[in-house]
């Protein structure tokens, strides 16, 4: 059965969200999950579904990883796309 999720790839909205989160918090979340610090904004995206809204990053060699839950931050209203994932 496929699960429906909503993803947002809007760079402008993600850039403002990252500024709200802050470099220090993002760095700490990556360290806690044993992930390299992300360098390219174009590989970030937001994902929402039946679970909390998360900030994810597509690492070139590793794949997609969740960096942090972002429900307490201001989320963008536009740019959400519907996807079916296995």
N, C-alpha and C. Protein backbone atom coordinates (compact mmCIF):
# COMPACT_ATOMS: atom_id res chain seq x y z
N UNK A 1 0.84 -1.18 0.00
CA UNK A 1 0.00 0.00 0.00
C UNK A 1 0.88 1.24 0.00
N UNK A 2 0.55 2.17 -0.87
CA UNK A 2 1.33 3.39 -0.98
C UNK A 2 0.84 4.43 0.01
N UNK A 3 1.80 5.18 0.54
CA UNK A 3 1.50 6.24 1.49
C UNK A 3 1.58 7.58 0.76
N UNK A 4 0.67 8.48 1.07
CA UNK A 4 0.66 9.81 0.44
C UNK A 4 1.37 10.78 1.38
N UNK A 5 2.34 11.52 0.82
CA UNK A 5 3.04 12.55 1.56
C UNK A 5 3.04 13.83 0.73
N UNK A 6 3.28 14.93 1.39
CA UNK A 6 3.39 16.21 0.72
C UNK A 6 4.81 16.71 0.89
N UNK A 7 5.41 17.14 -0.22
CA UNK A 7 6.79 17.62 -0.19
C UNK A 7 6.85 19.04 -0.73
N UNK A 8 7.79 19.79 -0.19
CA UNK A 8 8.00 21.17 -0.62
C UNK A 8 9.47 21.34 -0.96
N UNK A 9 9.75 21.72 -2.22
CA UNK A 9 11.12 21.91 -2.69
C UNK A 9 11.44 23.39 -2.94
N UNK A 10 10.57 24.30 -2.49
CA UNK A 10 10.74 25.73 -2.73
C UNK A 10 11.99 26.25 -2.01
N UNK A 11 13.01 26.60 -2.79
CA UNK A 11 14.29 27.04 -2.21
C UNK A 11 14.15 28.30 -1.38
N UNK A 12 13.32 29.22 -1.83
CA UNK A 12 13.13 30.47 -1.10
C UNK A 12 12.56 30.19 0.30
N UNK A 13 11.51 29.36 0.38
CA UNK A 13 10.89 29.02 1.65
C UNK A 13 11.85 28.23 2.54
N UNK A 14 12.60 27.32 1.95
CA UNK A 14 13.55 26.51 2.72
C UNK A 14 14.69 27.38 3.24
N UNK A 15 15.14 28.32 2.43
CA UNK A 15 16.22 29.22 2.87
C UNK A 15 15.78 30.03 4.09
N UNK A 16 14.55 30.54 4.06
CA UNK A 16 14.05 31.31 5.21
C UNK A 16 13.84 30.42 6.43
N UNK A 17 13.41 29.19 6.22
CA UNK A 17 13.25 28.25 7.32
C UNK A 17 14.61 27.93 7.95
N UNK A 18 15.63 27.73 7.12
CA UNK A 18 16.97 27.44 7.63
C UNK A 18 17.52 28.64 8.41
N UNK A 19 17.22 29.84 7.98
CA UNK A 19 17.65 31.03 8.72
C UNK A 19 16.95 31.09 10.07
N UNK A 20 15.69 30.69 10.11
CA UNK A 20 14.94 30.66 11.38
C UNK A 20 15.49 29.59 12.31
N UNK A 21 15.84 28.43 11.76
CA UNK A 21 16.39 27.34 12.57
C UNK A 21 17.76 27.75 13.12
N UNK A 22 18.59 28.32 12.29
CA UNK A 22 19.91 28.76 12.71
C UNK A 22 20.98 27.71 12.43
N UNK A 23 22.19 28.20 12.15
CA UNK A 23 23.33 27.34 11.81
C UNK A 23 23.67 26.40 12.97
N UNK A 24 23.68 26.93 14.18
CA UNK A 24 24.09 26.13 15.34
C UNK A 24 23.15 24.95 15.58
N UNK A 25 21.85 25.20 15.52
CA UNK A 25 20.87 24.12 15.76
C UNK A 25 20.92 23.08 14.64
N UNK A 26 21.04 23.53 13.41
CA UNK A 26 21.13 22.60 12.29
C UNK A 26 22.39 21.74 12.40
N UNK A 27 23.49 22.37 12.78
CA UNK A 27 24.76 21.64 12.95
C UNK A 27 24.63 20.59 14.06
N UNK A 28 23.98 20.97 15.16
CA UNK A 28 23.81 20.05 16.29
C UNK A 28 22.91 18.86 15.91
N UNK A 29 21.84 19.13 15.16
CA UNK A 29 20.95 18.04 14.72
C UNK A 29 21.69 17.06 13.81
N UNK A 30 22.53 17.58 12.92
CA UNK A 30 23.32 16.71 12.04
C UNK A 30 24.30 15.87 12.84
N UNK A 31 24.93 16.46 13.84
CA UNK A 31 25.86 15.71 14.69
C UNK A 31 25.12 14.61 15.45
N UNK A 32 23.94 14.92 15.98
CA UNK A 32 23.17 13.92 16.74
C UNK A 32 22.78 12.73 15.87
N UNK A 33 22.54 12.96 14.60
CA UNK A 33 22.16 11.88 13.68
C UNK A 33 23.35 11.30 12.92
N UNK A 34 24.54 11.78 13.26
CA UNK A 34 25.79 11.32 12.64
C UNK A 34 25.76 11.51 11.12
N UNK A 35 25.34 12.72 10.71
CA UNK A 35 25.28 13.08 9.29
C UNK A 35 26.25 14.22 9.02
N UNK A 36 26.76 14.26 7.81
CA UNK A 36 27.60 15.39 7.41
C UNK A 36 26.73 16.64 7.31
N UNK A 37 27.34 17.80 7.55
CA UNK A 37 26.59 19.05 7.47
C UNK A 37 26.24 19.31 6.00
N UNK A 38 24.96 19.55 5.68
CA UNK A 38 24.54 19.79 4.29
C UNK A 38 25.13 21.07 3.73
N UNK A 39 25.47 21.04 2.45
CA UNK A 39 26.11 22.19 1.83
C UNK A 39 25.28 22.83 0.71
N UNK A 40 24.39 22.08 0.08
CA UNK A 40 23.63 22.59 -1.07
C UNK A 40 22.16 22.76 -0.72
N UNK A 41 21.67 23.97 -0.86
CA UNK A 41 20.27 24.24 -0.52
C UNK A 41 19.31 23.54 -1.47
N UNK A 42 19.76 23.25 -2.68
CA UNK A 42 18.87 22.61 -3.66
C UNK A 42 18.55 21.16 -3.31
N UNK A 43 19.27 20.57 -2.36
CA UNK A 43 19.03 19.18 -1.97
C UNK A 43 18.17 19.05 -0.71
N UNK A 44 17.77 20.18 -0.11
CA UNK A 44 16.85 20.17 1.02
C UNK A 44 15.42 20.06 0.51
N UNK A 45 14.55 19.46 1.31
CA UNK A 45 13.12 19.52 1.07
C UNK A 45 12.37 19.25 2.36
N UNK A 46 11.11 19.66 2.39
CA UNK A 46 10.24 19.44 3.53
C UNK A 46 9.28 18.31 3.18
N UNK A 47 8.94 17.50 4.19
CA UNK A 47 8.00 16.39 3.95
C UNK A 47 7.00 16.34 5.08
N UNK A 48 5.73 16.19 4.71
CA UNK A 48 4.65 16.12 5.69
C UNK A 48 3.66 15.05 5.27
N UNK A 49 3.08 14.41 6.26
CA UNK A 49 2.09 13.37 6.00
C UNK A 49 1.33 13.09 7.27
N UNK A 50 1.17 11.82 7.61
CA UNK A 50 0.50 11.43 8.85
C UNK A 50 1.41 11.62 10.06
N UNK A 51 2.65 11.89 9.83
CA UNK A 51 3.67 12.04 10.86
C UNK A 51 4.08 13.51 10.92
N UNK A 52 4.91 13.90 11.86
CA UNK A 52 5.33 15.31 11.93
C UNK A 52 6.03 15.78 10.65
N UNK A 53 6.00 17.07 10.41
CA UNK A 53 6.68 17.66 9.26
C UNK A 53 8.17 17.64 9.53
N UNK A 54 8.94 17.17 8.55
CA UNK A 54 10.38 17.03 8.74
C UNK A 54 11.16 17.76 7.67
N UNK A 55 12.37 18.14 8.03
CA UNK A 55 13.34 18.69 7.09
C UNK A 55 14.22 17.54 6.66
N UNK A 56 14.31 17.32 5.36
CA UNK A 56 15.10 16.21 4.84
C UNK A 56 16.15 16.73 3.87
N UNK A 57 17.17 15.90 3.66
CA UNK A 57 18.26 16.26 2.76
C UNK A 57 18.64 15.02 1.96
N UNK A 58 18.87 15.21 0.67
CA UNK A 58 19.25 14.10 -0.20
C UNK A 58 20.77 14.12 -0.35
N UNK A 59 21.43 13.25 0.43
CA UNK A 59 22.88 13.13 0.35
C UNK A 59 23.24 12.36 -0.92
N UNK A 60 24.24 12.83 -1.68
CA UNK A 60 24.57 12.19 -2.96
C UNK A 60 24.91 10.70 -2.85
N UNK A 61 25.68 10.29 -1.89
CA UNK A 61 26.10 8.88 -1.81
C UNK A 61 25.24 8.05 -0.86
N UNK A 62 24.58 8.70 0.08
CA UNK A 62 23.83 7.99 1.12
C UNK A 62 22.35 7.85 0.78
N UNK A 63 21.77 8.90 0.24
CA UNK A 63 20.34 8.92 -0.05
C UNK A 63 19.63 9.94 0.81
N UNK A 64 18.34 9.81 0.95
CA UNK A 64 17.52 10.77 1.69
C UNK A 64 17.56 10.45 3.18
N UNK A 65 17.85 11.48 3.98
CA UNK A 65 17.88 11.35 5.43
C UNK A 65 17.10 12.48 6.08
N UNK A 66 16.41 12.16 7.17
CA UNK A 66 15.71 13.17 7.95
C UNK A 66 16.72 13.88 8.83
N UNK A 67 16.70 15.20 8.80
CA UNK A 67 17.60 15.98 9.64
C UNK A 67 16.93 16.36 10.94
N UNK A 68 15.68 16.85 10.86
CA UNK A 68 15.00 17.25 12.08
C UNK A 68 13.50 17.41 11.85
N UNK A 69 12.74 17.40 12.95
CA UNK A 69 11.31 17.68 12.93
C UNK A 69 11.16 19.19 13.04
N UNK A 70 10.32 19.77 12.20
CA UNK A 70 10.22 21.23 12.15
C UNK A 70 8.81 21.74 12.42
N UNK A 71 8.01 21.01 13.15
CA UNK A 71 6.63 21.41 13.40
C UNK A 71 6.51 22.72 14.18
N UNK A 72 7.51 23.07 14.96
CA UNK A 72 7.40 24.29 15.77
C UNK A 72 7.81 25.54 15.03
N UNK A 73 8.28 25.42 13.81
CA UNK A 73 8.69 26.57 13.00
C UNK A 73 7.58 26.95 12.03
N UNK A 74 7.69 28.17 11.47
CA UNK A 74 6.72 28.62 10.48
C UNK A 74 6.91 27.85 9.18
N UNK A 75 5.86 27.18 8.75
CA UNK A 75 5.93 26.38 7.53
C UNK A 75 5.38 27.17 6.35
N UNK A 76 5.91 26.94 5.15
CA UNK A 76 5.41 27.66 3.98
C UNK A 76 4.00 27.22 3.62
N UNK A 77 3.24 28.14 3.08
CA UNK A 77 1.87 27.83 2.67
C UNK A 77 1.81 27.33 1.24
N UNK A 78 2.74 27.76 0.40
CA UNK A 78 2.72 27.41 -1.02
C UNK A 78 3.87 26.46 -1.34
N UNK A 79 3.72 25.79 -2.49
CA UNK A 79 4.80 24.95 -2.99
C UNK A 79 4.72 23.49 -2.62
N UNK A 80 3.66 23.06 -1.96
CA UNK A 80 3.53 21.66 -1.55
C UNK A 80 3.04 20.82 -2.72
N UNK A 81 3.70 19.67 -2.92
CA UNK A 81 3.34 18.74 -3.98
C UNK A 81 3.00 17.39 -3.36
N UNK A 82 2.03 16.72 -3.93
CA UNK A 82 1.59 15.42 -3.43
C UNK A 82 2.41 14.31 -4.08
N UNK A 83 2.90 13.36 -3.27
CA UNK A 83 3.68 12.22 -3.76
C UNK A 83 3.16 10.95 -3.12
N UNK A 84 3.26 9.86 -3.85
CA UNK A 84 2.96 8.54 -3.30
C UNK A 84 4.28 7.80 -3.12
N UNK A 85 4.54 7.35 -1.91
CA UNK A 85 5.78 6.62 -1.63
C UNK A 85 5.43 5.23 -1.13
N UNK A 86 6.34 4.31 -1.38
CA UNK A 86 6.09 2.92 -0.98
C UNK A 86 6.33 2.72 0.49
